[in-house]
Amino acid sequence: MKAKEKENKPSYGILAILMIGAFVALLSNTLLNIALPSIMKEFDITAATVQWLSTGYMLVNGIMIPSTAFLIQKYTARRLFLIAIGLFAVGTLIGGFAPSFAILLSARMVQASGAAIMMPLLMNVLFTTFPPEKRGSAMGMFGLVMIFAPAIGPTLSGWIIQHYEWPVLFFMIAPITILVFILAFFKLHDKKEKVDIHINVPSIILSAIGFGGILYGFSSAGNKGWDAPIVYTTIIVGVISLTLFIIQQLKMKQPMLDFRVYKYPMFALSSAISVTLNMAMFSAMMLMPIYLQNIRGISPLDSGLLMLPGAIAMGIMSPITGKIFDKYGAKVLSIIGLAIVIVSTYFFSQLTDSTEYSTLVILYTVRMFGIAMVMMPVMTNGLNAIPAKYTPHGTAMNSTISQVSGAIGGALLVTIMSTRTVTHTKEMVTDAVSKLTTTPSESALAEIQQQILSKATIEGINDAFLVSAGVAAVALIHAFFIKKRKTDVESKGEKGVAKEVASP
């Protein structure tokens, strides 16, 4: 019995290796954003072209993640992790030495293919390694990685770009990635019985077109507008393909991504809250840089530093909320956390051209504190509600909806900001013209126009934040229906039978 317990005891050294790999992969997601202007100058390309370094990364993630449920069931964690971290390392090295933009973009996509496998794999390892009563703490540590890594990316990137060239962003993380690969090669060992499942090619095609089309369409809408043919065409094609993909998966005995996880109410509820929370969270990530850099003239480094305390708060809170979740469940944490998010987001909808920098830091930190109380507990509660055999599908589904809802939320809020800015500009111009008693000089007119545009943009950002607060309010309503669930696994011979039990 003691030998068996020792065998089943989580290996924290191995989990640390997986966590470091995930941290580096998530860090790279936002690390390059601040460097885009430098890359534009070096390769003499437009903003629309350089944006593909971010859009392409996200698209590959969105296309790859749905297939991870199949991969996790088919192959060992060791094999998958080595492939994932290996792909990421190769992409990182190519990116650092890239002589052209085409090669740099290819490197980013290779990076993304590795990162897409890593996230659901780590989440699945945590759920199969830790018992239900300890999963909150384990997922809290994962939350630290998932939230803290991309949050510090802009600050770190801003400092590096201010002192060094953009390739340093790749060379900085390459040695860490290679070290993680070496450690995983020697330390990571797990056995897995041969599973006789085969990938379905039509599923891969429909999934790629469905998720890829939706992600591309919504992520492009902010720049190209909703009336652009490429935007609405890709969204329509994506929705049709995704619908066919879902129908196909429900008919298959061994689906690539099993949508039957949504027959468990708590998992479905956790997905609904995660979607609305992701949409609300992306409001600050998309709108704050516009307000700080374009309107207030604050440098990229100072913009990143403004967000750093919020990232630290989330990093500190994730393990703490995990322990609270293990004891009290997700409901109390979610209600309090979402209330904080709603109030802080409302205050963000009252921005002016003279809002104090310290006020912005406090508001952003408080908001991220609230998000940290909700994100991982809700996700863990949902995954606890499904039987063990569905865990790979649940983790893949969570990662997928995170990508899709983030893209949709970001696009919608940027669109709201843009349309409301136009409306406010017209109103302010009409008001200014009605107050003029003499014809202003050209220089005075240009100054008036600039002031109106700045004020109108701020009002547009405020309106978008107000909508974001409304979205968070929808998540709060959902949170009142959360019930604590746990999975009681009884072993029978070599088969584990998962039985869902509702806690009172």
Protein backbone atom coordinates (compact mmCIF):
# COMPACT_ATOMS: atom_id res chain seq x y z
CA MET A 1 0.00 0.00 0.00
CA LYS A 2 2.80 2.44 0.94
CA ALA A 3 4.67 1.58 -2.24
CA LYS A 4 1.54 2.29 -4.28
CA GLU A 5 0.98 5.62 -2.53
CA LYS A 6 4.59 6.57 -3.20
CA GLU A 7 4.17 5.63 -6.86
CA ASN A 8 1.02 7.77 -7.17
CA LYS A 9 2.49 10.70 -5.25
CA PRO A 10 2.95 13.73 -7.52
CA SER A 11 6.54 14.34 -8.61
CA TYR A 12 6.97 18.05 -7.96
CA GLY A 13 10.32 18.10 -9.77
CA ILE A 14 8.71 16.86 -12.99
CA LEU A 15 5.78 19.26 -12.56
CA ALA A 16 8.29 22.10 -12.10
CA ILE A 17 9.88 21.19 -15.46
CA LEU A 18 6.46 21.23 -17.15
CA MET A 19 5.57 24.54 -15.45
CA ILE A 20 8.79 26.24 -16.60
CA GLY A 21 8.16 25.06 -20.16
CA ALA A 22 4.62 26.43 -20.02
CA PHE A 23 5.84 29.71 -18.50
CA VAL A 24 8.32 30.33 -21.33
CA ALA A 25 5.72 29.43 -23.97
CA LEU A 26 3.11 31.78 -22.51
CA LEU A 27 5.69 34.54 -22.01
CA SER A 28 6.53 34.48 -25.72
CA ASN A 29 2.85 35.07 -26.56
CA THR A 30 3.02 38.74 -25.47
CA LEU A 31 6.80 39.27 -25.46
CA LEU A 32 6.95 40.36 -29.10
CA ASN A 33 4.07 42.87 -29.07
CA ILE A 34 6.15 45.87 -27.91
CA ALA A 35 8.86 44.99 -30.46
CA LEU A 36 6.54 45.17 -33.50
CA PRO A 37 7.47 48.80 -34.40
CA SER A 38 11.21 47.88 -34.34
CA ILE A 39 10.58 44.86 -36.57
CA MET A 40 8.56 47.06 -38.97
CA LYS A 41 11.53 49.39 -39.40
CA GLU A 42 14.10 46.62 -39.82
CA PHE A 43 12.19 44.69 -42.49
CA ASP A 44 10.47 47.78 -43.99
CA ILE A 45 6.95 46.36 -43.68
CA THR A 46 3.54 47.82 -42.83
CA ALA A 47 1.65 47.57 -39.53
CA ALA A 48 -0.90 45.24 -41.16
CA THR A 49 1.91 42.88 -42.19
CA VAL A 50 3.83 42.87 -38.90
CA GLN A 51 0.60 42.18 -36.99
CA TRP A 52 0.71 38.67 -38.44
CA LEU A 53 3.41 37.84 -35.87
CA SER A 54 0.66 38.04 -33.24
CA THR A 55 -2.31 36.99 -35.38
CA GLY A 56 -0.46 34.03 -36.90
CA TYR A 57 0.66 32.83 -33.47
CA MET A 58 -2.93 32.97 -32.23
CA LEU A 59 -4.31 31.25 -35.34
CA VAL A 60 -1.91 28.30 -35.05
CA ASN A 61 -2.86 27.98 -31.37
CA GLY A 62 -6.54 28.00 -32.24
CA ILE A 63 -6.10 25.39 -34.97
CA MET A 64 -3.78 23.09 -32.98
CA ILE A 65 -5.44 23.11 -29.54
CA PRO A 66 -8.62 21.17 -30.49
CA SER A 67 -6.45 18.23 -31.63
CA THR A 68 -4.60 18.03 -28.28
CA ALA A 69 -7.40 15.96 -26.69
CA PHE A 70 -6.69 13.24 -29.28
CA LEU A 71 -2.91 13.57 -28.88
CA ILE A 72 -3.08 13.34 -25.06
CA GLN A 73 -5.10 10.12 -25.29
CA LYS A 74 -2.88 8.62 -28.00
CA TYR A 75 0.63 9.42 -26.73
CA THR A 76 2.56 9.60 -23.45
CA ALA A 77 3.01 12.92 -21.65
CA ARG A 78 6.80 12.56 -22.07
CA ARG A 79 6.61 12.16 -25.83
CA LEU A 80 4.15 15.01 -26.28
CA PHE A 81 6.05 17.40 -24.02
CA LEU A 82 9.39 16.70 -25.74
CA ILE A 83 7.77 17.31 -29.14
CA ALA A 84 6.11 20.51 -27.88
CA ILE A 85 9.18 22.00 -26.17
CA GLY A 86 11.35 20.82 -29.09
CA LEU A 87 9.18 22.63 -31.63
CA PHE A 88 9.14 25.71 -29.44
CA ALA A 89 12.96 25.67 -29.08
CA VAL A 90 13.48 25.30 -32.85
CA GLY A 91 11.06 28.16 -33.54
CA THR A 92 12.79 30.36 -30.95
CA LEU A 93 16.28 29.80 -32.43
CA ILE A 94 15.09 30.40 -36.01
CA GLY A 95 13.30 33.58 -34.85
CA GLY A 96 16.48 34.99 -33.28
CA PHE A 97 18.52 34.49 -36.46
CA ALA A 98 15.70 35.30 -38.95
CA PRO A 99 17.13 37.26 -41.91
CA SER A 100 13.70 38.11 -43.35
CA PHE A 101 10.16 38.69 -42.15
CA ALA A 102 8.89 35.52 -43.89
CA ILE A 103 11.33 33.38 -41.91
CA LEU A 104 10.50 35.25 -38.68
CA LEU A 105 6.77 34.63 -39.24
CA SER A 106 7.45 30.93 -39.94
CA ALA A 107 9.48 30.76 -36.71
CA ARG A 108 6.59 32.23 -34.72
CA MET A 109 4.20 29.66 -36.15
CA VAL A 110 6.58 26.82 -35.23
CA GLN A 111 6.74 28.30 -31.70
CA ALA A 112 2.93 28.43 -31.57
CA SER A 113 2.55 24.77 -32.63
CA GLY A 114 4.66 23.74 -29.62
CA ALA A 115 2.93 26.11 -27.20
CA ALA A 116 -0.53 24.88 -28.30
CA ILE A 117 0.30 21.31 -27.22
CA MET A 118 1.93 22.38 -23.95
CA MET A 119 -0.97 24.17 -22.24
CA PRO A 120 -3.68 21.46 -22.38
CA LEU A 121 -1.04 18.79 -21.71
CA LEU A 122 0.09 20.45 -18.48
CA MET A 123 -3.50 20.94 -17.31
CA ASN A 124 -4.28 17.29 -18.04
CA VAL A 125 -1.16 16.11 -16.13
CA LEU A 126 -2.21 18.20 -13.11
CA PHE A 127 -5.72 16.73 -13.13
CA THR A 128 -4.57 13.13 -13.47
CA THR A 129 -1.79 13.56 -10.89
CA PHE A 130 -3.60 15.34 -8.07
CA PRO A 131 -6.71 14.08 -6.22
CA PRO A 132 -9.86 16.26 -6.36
CA GLU A 133 -9.30 17.75 -2.89
CA LYS A 134 -5.87 19.11 -3.96
CA ARG A 135 -6.62 20.16 -7.51
CA GLY A 136 -7.47 23.73 -6.51
CA SER A 137 -3.95 24.27 -5.16
CA ALA A 138 -2.39 22.58 -8.20
CA MET A 139 -4.45 24.65 -10.63
CA GLY A 140 -3.60 27.74 -8.58
CA MET A 141 0.06 27.16 -9.37
CA PHE A 142 -0.86 26.64 -13.03
CA GLY A 143 -2.85 29.89 -12.84
CA LEU A 144 0.28 31.67 -11.63
CA VAL A 145 2.06 30.54 -14.79
CA MET A 146 -0.93 31.09 -17.10
CA ILE A 147 -1.62 34.63 -15.89
CA PHE A 148 1.74 35.96 -14.73
CA ALA A 149 3.82 34.98 -17.80
CA PRO A 150 1.84 36.87 -20.48
CA ALA A 151 1.21 39.76 -18.08
CA ILE A 152 4.92 40.54 -17.52
CA GLY A 153 5.68 40.12 -21.24
CA PRO A 154 5.03 43.78 -22.21
CA THR A 155 7.09 45.16 -19.28
CA LEU A 156 10.05 42.87 -19.93
CA SER A 157 9.84 43.44 -23.68
CA GLY A 158 9.65 47.23 -23.21
CA TRP A 159 12.84 47.24 -21.12
CA ILE A 160 14.74 44.99 -23.57
CA ILE A 161 13.69 46.96 -26.65
CA GLN A 162 14.75 50.19 -24.93
CA HIS A 163 18.27 48.81 -24.32
CA TYR A 164 18.84 46.09 -26.95
CA GLU A 165 17.71 44.87 -30.38
CA TRP A 166 14.55 42.75 -30.84
CA PRO A 167 16.41 39.41 -31.53
CA VAL A 168 17.45 39.46 -27.84
CA LEU A 169 13.81 38.58 -27.06
CA PHE A 170 14.41 35.22 -28.74
CA PHE A 171 17.97 34.65 -27.54
CA MET A 172 16.92 35.36 -23.95
CA ILE A 173 14.43 32.48 -23.79
CA ALA A 174 16.25 30.02 -26.11
CA PRO A 175 18.73 28.73 -23.44
CA ILE A 176 15.88 28.22 -20.93
CA THR A 177 13.87 26.30 -23.52
CA ILE A 178 16.83 24.05 -24.42
CA LEU A 179 17.54 23.39 -20.71
CA VAL A 180 13.91 22.41 -20.13
CA PHE A 181 14.12 20.00 -23.10
CA ILE A 182 17.28 18.35 -21.68
CA LEU A 183 15.77 18.05 -18.17
CA ALA A 184 12.52 16.63 -19.56
CA PHE A 185 14.44 14.11 -21.69
CA PHE A 186 16.20 12.63 -18.66
CA LYS A 187 13.66 13.22 -15.88
CA LEU A 188 10.23 12.86 -17.46
CA HIS A 189 9.08 9.23 -17.61
CA ASP A 190 5.56 7.86 -17.76
CA LYS A 191 3.98 4.66 -19.00
CA LYS A 192 0.87 4.48 -21.09
CA GLU A 193 -1.04 1.52 -22.42
CA LYS A 194 -1.35 1.43 -26.19
CA VAL A 195 -4.54 3.20 -27.23
CA ASP A 196 -6.09 2.14 -30.52
CA ILE A 197 -7.48 5.45 -31.75
CA HIS A 198 -6.85 7.11 -35.09
CA ILE A 199 -7.04 10.72 -36.15
CA ASN A 200 -9.93 11.61 -38.43
CA VAL A 201 -8.69 13.79 -41.31
CA PRO A 202 -12.07 15.49 -42.02
CA SER A 203 -12.18 16.44 -38.30
CA ILE A 204 -8.77 18.11 -38.56
CA ILE A 205 -9.81 20.02 -41.70
CA LEU A 206 -13.18 21.17 -40.32
CA SER A 207 -11.59 22.14 -36.98
CA ALA A 208 -8.82 24.14 -38.67
CA ILE A 209 -11.22 26.00 -40.97
CA GLY A 210 -13.83 26.48 -38.21
CA PHE A 211 -11.66 27.79 -35.37
CA GLY A 212 -9.13 29.41 -37.71
CA GLY A 213 -11.81 31.25 -39.68
CA ILE A 214 -13.57 32.59 -36.58
CA LEU A 215 -10.31 33.65 -34.93
CA TYR A 216 -9.01 35.36 -38.06
CA GLY A 217 -12.30 37.08 -38.81
CA PHE A 218 -12.79 38.56 -35.36
CA SER A 219 -9.12 39.47 -34.85
CA SER A 220 -9.12 41.30 -38.23
CA ALA A 221 -12.37 43.17 -37.60
CA GLY A 222 -10.71 45.72 -35.29
CA ASN A 223 -8.37 46.91 -38.07
CA LYS A 224 -10.32 46.25 -41.27
CA GLY A 225 -13.89 46.88 -40.06
CA TRP A 226 -16.88 44.55 -39.97
CA ASP A 227 -17.93 45.44 -43.53
CA ALA A 228 -14.67 44.14 -45.04
CA PRO A 229 -15.43 41.04 -47.21
CA ILE A 230 -12.45 39.12 -45.77
CA VAL A 231 -13.82 39.64 -42.23
CA TYR A 232 -17.44 38.53 -42.66
CA THR A 233 -16.54 35.82 -45.21
CA THR A 234 -14.03 34.12 -42.90
CA ILE A 235 -16.43 34.36 -39.93
CA ILE A 236 -19.33 32.84 -41.94
CA VAL A 237 -17.13 30.05 -43.33
CA GLY A 238 -15.71 29.47 -39.84
CA VAL A 239 -19.16 29.21 -38.22
CA ILE A 240 -20.43 26.78 -40.90
CA SER A 241 -17.30 24.61 -40.62
CA LEU A 242 -17.45 24.64 -36.81
CA THR A 243 -21.13 23.62 -36.89
CA LEU A 244 -20.31 20.69 -39.19
CA PHE A 245 -17.34 19.80 -36.95
CA ILE A 246 -19.55 19.68 -33.83
CA ILE A 247 -22.20 17.54 -35.57
CA GLN A 248 -19.51 15.17 -36.81
CA GLN A 249 -17.88 14.86 -33.37
CA LEU A 250 -21.21 14.05 -31.70
CA LYS A 251 -21.76 11.18 -34.16
CA MET A 252 -18.26 9.66 -33.69
CA LYS A 253 -17.48 6.92 -31.15
CA GLN A 254 -13.96 8.30 -30.65
CA PRO A 255 -14.23 12.04 -31.39
CA MET A 256 -11.20 14.28 -31.77
CA LEU A 257 -12.82 16.82 -29.43
CA ASP A 258 -15.78 15.51 -27.44
CA PHE A 259 -18.52 18.12 -27.05
CA ARG A 260 -20.39 15.74 -24.72
CA VAL A 261 -18.52 17.43 -21.87
CA TYR A 262 -21.25 20.07 -22.09
CA LYS A 263 -23.89 17.64 -20.85
CA TYR A 264 -22.37 18.22 -17.38
CA PRO A 265 -24.02 21.45 -16.13
CA MET A 266 -21.11 22.69 -14.00
CA PHE A 267 -18.64 22.35 -16.88
CA ALA A 268 -21.03 24.18 -19.21
CA LEU A 269 -21.48 26.91 -16.59
CA SER A 270 -17.72 27.26 -16.07
CA SER A 271 -17.29 27.68 -19.84
CA ALA A 272 -19.96 30.39 -19.96
CA ILE A 273 -18.27 32.32 -17.12
CA SER A 274 -14.81 31.85 -18.67
CA VAL A 275 -16.01 33.20 -22.02
CA THR A 276 -17.52 36.36 -20.50
CA LEU A 277 -14.53 36.83 -18.17
CA ASN A 278 -12.05 36.50 -21.06
CA MET A 279 -14.01 39.05 -23.08
CA ALA A 280 -14.01 41.46 -20.14
CA MET A 281 -10.32 40.87 -19.37
CA PHE A 282 -9.24 41.63 -22.93
CA SER A 283 -10.84 45.08 -22.70
CA ALA A 284 -7.99 46.35 -20.51
CA MET A 285 -5.31 44.51 -22.51
CA MET A 286 -6.55 46.02 -25.80
CA LEU A 287 -7.74 49.46 -24.69
CA MET A 288 -5.16 50.50 -22.08
CA PRO A 289 -2.16 50.64 -24.48
CA ILE A 290 -4.23 52.82 -26.86
CA TYR A 291 -5.16 55.19 -24.04
CA LEU A 292 -1.69 55.27 -22.47
CA GLN A 293 0.49 55.55 -25.58
CA ASN A 294 -1.71 57.21 -28.21
CA ILE A 295 -3.65 59.63 -25.99
CA ARG A 296 -1.41 60.25 -22.98
CA GLY A 297 1.95 59.85 -24.76
CA ILE A 298 3.28 57.44 -22.13
CA SER A 299 6.25 55.33 -23.32
CA PRO A 300 5.89 51.57 -23.99
CA LEU A 301 8.15 50.81 -21.01
CA ASP A 302 6.09 52.95 -18.63
CA SER A 303 2.90 51.43 -20.06
CA GLY A 304 4.27 47.98 -19.31
CA LEU A 305 5.36 49.04 -15.82
CA LEU A 306 1.84 50.29 -15.12
CA MET A 307 0.55 46.76 -15.70
CA LEU A 308 3.31 45.02 -13.71
CA PRO A 309 1.75 45.38 -10.21
CA GLY A 310 -1.44 43.82 -11.58
CA ALA A 311 0.56 40.89 -12.94
CA ILE A 312 2.32 40.46 -9.59
CA ALA A 313 -1.03 40.59 -7.75
CA MET A 314 -2.40 37.85 -10.00
CA GLY A 315 0.72 35.77 -9.54
CA ILE A 316 0.51 36.02 -5.75
CA MET A 317 -3.24 35.41 -5.63
CA SER A 318 -3.41 32.34 -7.90
CA PRO A 319 -1.92 29.82 -5.39
CA ILE A 320 -3.90 31.45 -2.53
CA THR A 321 -7.21 31.25 -4.39
CA GLY A 322 -6.36 27.63 -5.21
CA LYS A 323 -6.14 26.77 -1.50
CA ILE A 324 -9.35 28.72 -0.75
CA PHE A 325 -11.06 26.84 -3.58
CA ASP A 326 -10.06 23.48 -2.07
CA LYS A 327 -11.69 24.52 1.19
CA TYR A 328 -14.75 26.56 0.17
CA GLY A 329 -15.32 25.97 -3.54
CA ALA A 330 -15.59 28.39 -6.48
CA LYS A 331 -18.89 30.15 -5.77
CA VAL A 332 -17.79 32.61 -3.05
CA LEU A 333 -14.50 33.36 -4.82
CA SER A 334 -16.28 33.99 -8.14
CA ILE A 335 -18.96 36.29 -6.72
CA ILE A 336 -16.45 38.43 -4.80
CA GLY A 337 -13.91 38.43 -7.65
CA LEU A 338 -16.45 39.37 -10.33
CA ALA A 339 -17.88 42.14 -8.12
CA ILE A 340 -14.34 43.58 -7.90
CA VAL A 341 -13.93 43.27 -11.69
CA ILE A 342 -17.24 45.05 -12.36
CA VAL A 343 -16.54 47.96 -9.98
CA SER A 344 -12.93 48.49 -11.18
CA THR A 345 -14.01 48.25 -14.85
CA TYR A 346 -16.72 50.85 -14.21
CA PHE A 347 -14.10 53.24 -12.82
CA PHE A 348 -12.06 52.62 -15.99
CA SER A 349 -15.07 53.91 -17.94
CA GLN A 350 -14.54 57.33 -16.30
CA LEU A 351 -11.10 58.08 -17.79
CA THR A 352 -10.07 61.63 -18.67
CA ASP A 353 -6.99 63.17 -20.29
CA SER A 354 -5.67 63.98 -16.79
CA THR A 355 -6.35 60.76 -14.85
CA GLU A 356 -3.41 60.23 -12.49
CA TYR A 357 -0.88 57.51 -13.38
CA SER A 358 -1.06 56.20 -9.80
CA THR A 359 -4.87 55.92 -10.07
CA LEU A 360 -4.50 53.85 -13.24
CA VAL A 361 -1.97 51.55 -11.52
CA ILE A 362 -4.29 50.98 -8.53
CA LEU A 363 -7.37 50.37 -10.70
CA TYR A 364 -5.55 47.94 -12.99
CA THR A 365 -4.03 46.06 -10.04
CA VAL A 366 -7.39 45.77 -8.23
CA ARG A 367 -9.03 44.56 -11.46
CA MET A 368 -6.41 41.85 -12.01
CA PHE A 369 -6.74 40.85 -8.35
CA GLY A 370 -10.45 40.24 -8.98
CA ILE A 371 -9.80 38.25 -12.16
CA ALA A 372 -7.31 36.04 -10.28
CA MET A 373 -10.06 35.14 -7.79
CA VAL A 374 -12.29 33.86 -10.59
CA MET A 375 -10.35 32.39 -13.49
CA MET A 376 -8.68 29.21 -12.20
CA PRO A 377 -11.30 28.31 -9.51
CA VAL A 378 -14.11 28.41 -12.09
CA MET A 379 -12.06 26.37 -14.57
CA THR A 380 -11.09 23.81 -11.91
CA ASN A 381 -14.68 23.50 -10.68
CA GLY A 382 -15.82 22.77 -14.23
CA LEU A 383 -13.14 20.13 -14.83
CA ASN A 384 -13.90 18.49 -11.46
CA ALA A 385 -17.49 18.03 -12.66
CA ILE A 386 -16.61 15.73 -15.57
CA PRO A 387 -15.50 12.07 -15.41
CA ALA A 388 -11.77 11.35 -15.73
CA LYS A 389 -12.13 9.96 -19.27
CA TYR A 390 -13.32 13.39 -20.44
CA THR A 391 -10.47 15.36 -18.82
CA PRO A 392 -8.32 15.64 -22.01
CA HIS A 393 -11.38 16.93 -23.89
CA GLY A 394 -12.27 19.33 -21.06
CA THR A 395 -8.76 20.83 -20.92
CA ALA A 396 -8.61 21.17 -24.72
CA MET A 397 -12.08 22.76 -24.74
CA ASN A 398 -11.06 25.29 -22.05
CA SER A 399 -7.93 26.29 -23.98
CA THR A 400 -9.90 26.60 -27.22
CA ILE A 401 -12.70 28.78 -25.83
CA SER A 402 -10.06 30.95 -24.13
CA GLN A 403 -8.49 31.71 -27.53
CA VAL A 404 -11.80 32.22 -29.33
CA SER A 405 -13.50 34.33 -26.64
CA GLY A 406 -10.37 36.46 -26.27
CA ALA A 407 -10.30 37.20 -30.00
CA ILE A 408 -14.03 37.88 -30.14
CA GLY A 409 -13.95 40.06 -27.01
CA GLY A 410 -10.97 42.07 -28.21
CA ALA A 411 -12.49 42.65 -31.66
CA LEU A 412 -15.91 43.65 -30.31
CA LEU A 413 -14.49 46.10 -27.78
CA VAL A 414 -12.13 47.72 -30.31
CA THR A 415 -15.08 48.04 -32.69
CA ILE A 416 -17.22 49.64 -29.97
CA MET A 417 -14.39 52.04 -29.19
CA SER A 418 -13.95 52.96 -32.88
CA THR A 419 -17.65 53.47 -33.66
CA ARG A 420 -18.30 55.44 -30.48
CA THR A 421 -15.21 57.58 -31.15
CA VAL A 422 -16.68 58.55 -34.55
CA THR A 423 -20.03 59.37 -32.92
CA HIS A 424 -18.43 61.48 -30.17
CA THR A 425 -16.22 63.27 -32.74
CA LYS A 426 -19.26 64.35 -34.78
CA GLU A 427 -21.07 65.56 -31.65
CA MET A 428 -18.03 67.50 -30.41
CA VAL A 429 -17.35 69.07 -33.82
CA THR A 430 -20.98 70.22 -34.07
CA ASP A 431 -20.80 71.66 -30.57
CA ALA A 432 -17.45 73.41 -31.24
CA VAL A 433 -18.67 74.95 -34.51
CA SER A 434 -21.79 76.31 -32.82
CA LYS A 435 -19.63 78.13 -30.25
CA LEU A 436 -17.26 79.76 -32.76
CA THR A 437 -17.72 83.53 -33.18
CA THR A 438 -14.83 84.04 -35.61
CA THR A 439 -13.09 81.88 -38.21
CA PRO A 440 -9.98 80.31 -36.58
CA SER A 441 -6.57 80.22 -38.27
CA GLU A 442 -5.32 76.96 -39.83
CA SER A 443 -2.99 76.25 -36.89
CA ALA A 444 -5.77 76.94 -34.36
CA LEU A 445 -8.17 74.75 -36.34
CA ALA A 446 -5.64 71.89 -36.42
CA GLU A 447 -5.18 72.20 -32.65
CA ILE A 448 -8.95 72.16 -32.07
CA GLN A 449 -9.29 69.07 -34.29
CA GLN A 450 -6.54 67.28 -32.38
CA GLN A 451 -8.13 68.09 -29.02
CA ILE A 452 -11.54 66.90 -30.23
CA LEU A 453 -10.07 63.64 -31.59
CA SER A 454 -8.25 62.94 -28.31
CA LYS A 455 -11.34 63.62 -26.19
CA ALA A 456 -13.57 61.61 -28.54
CA THR A 457 -11.15 58.65 -28.41
CA ILE A 458 -11.16 58.74 -24.60
CA GLU A 459 -14.96 58.76 -24.60
CA GLY A 460 -14.93 55.83 -27.05
CA ILE A 461 -12.59 53.91 -24.73
CA ASN A 462 -14.86 54.75 -21.77
CA ASP A 463 -17.89 53.37 -23.64
CA ALA A 464 -16.01 50.16 -24.43
CA PHE A 465 -15.07 49.75 -20.75
CA LEU A 466 -18.71 50.32 -19.78
CA VAL A 467 -19.77 47.49 -22.12
CA SER A 468 -16.98 45.36 -20.60
CA ALA A 469 -18.43 46.00 -17.13
CA GLY A 470 -21.81 44.82 -18.46
CA VAL A 471 -20.22 41.63 -19.82
CA ALA A 472 -18.62 40.98 -16.41
CA ALA A 473 -22.07 41.51 -14.82
CA VAL A 474 -23.41 38.67 -16.98
CA ALA A 475 -20.63 36.44 -15.62
CA LEU A 476 -21.58 37.49 -12.06
CA ILE A 477 -25.19 36.37 -12.61
CA HIS A 478 -23.89 32.99 -13.80
CA ALA A 479 -21.65 32.70 -10.71
CA PHE A 480 -24.66 32.48 -8.38
CA PHE A 481 -25.52 29.11 -9.96
CA ILE A 482 -22.14 27.51 -9.23
CA LYS A 483 -22.22 24.33 -7.15
CA LYS A 484 -19.21 22.60 -5.68
CA ARG A 485 -18.53 19.34 -7.46
CA LYS A 486 -15.90 16.68 -7.08
CA THR A 487 -14.97 13.49 -8.86
CA ASP A 488 -14.75 10.33 -6.80
CA VAL A 489 -12.60 7.81 -8.65
CA GLU A 490 -12.93 4.17 -7.65
CA SER A 491 -10.40 1.73 -9.02
CA LYS A 492 -11.66 -1.61 -10.27
CA GLY A 493 -8.76 -3.74 -11.42
CA GLU A 494 -6.93 -1.73 -14.05
CA LYS A 495 -9.95 0.42 -14.94
CA GLY A 496 -10.92 3.60 -13.10
CA VAL A 497 -14.62 4.29 -12.89
CA ALA A 498 -15.35 8.02 -12.48
CA LYS A 499 -18.45 8.79 -10.47
CA GLU A 500 -19.72 12.38 -10.25
CA VAL A 501 -20.74 13.41 -6.73
CA ALA A 502 -22.43 16.67 -5.79
CA SER A 503 -21.32 18.21 -2.51
CA PRO A 504 -24.12 19.60 -0.38
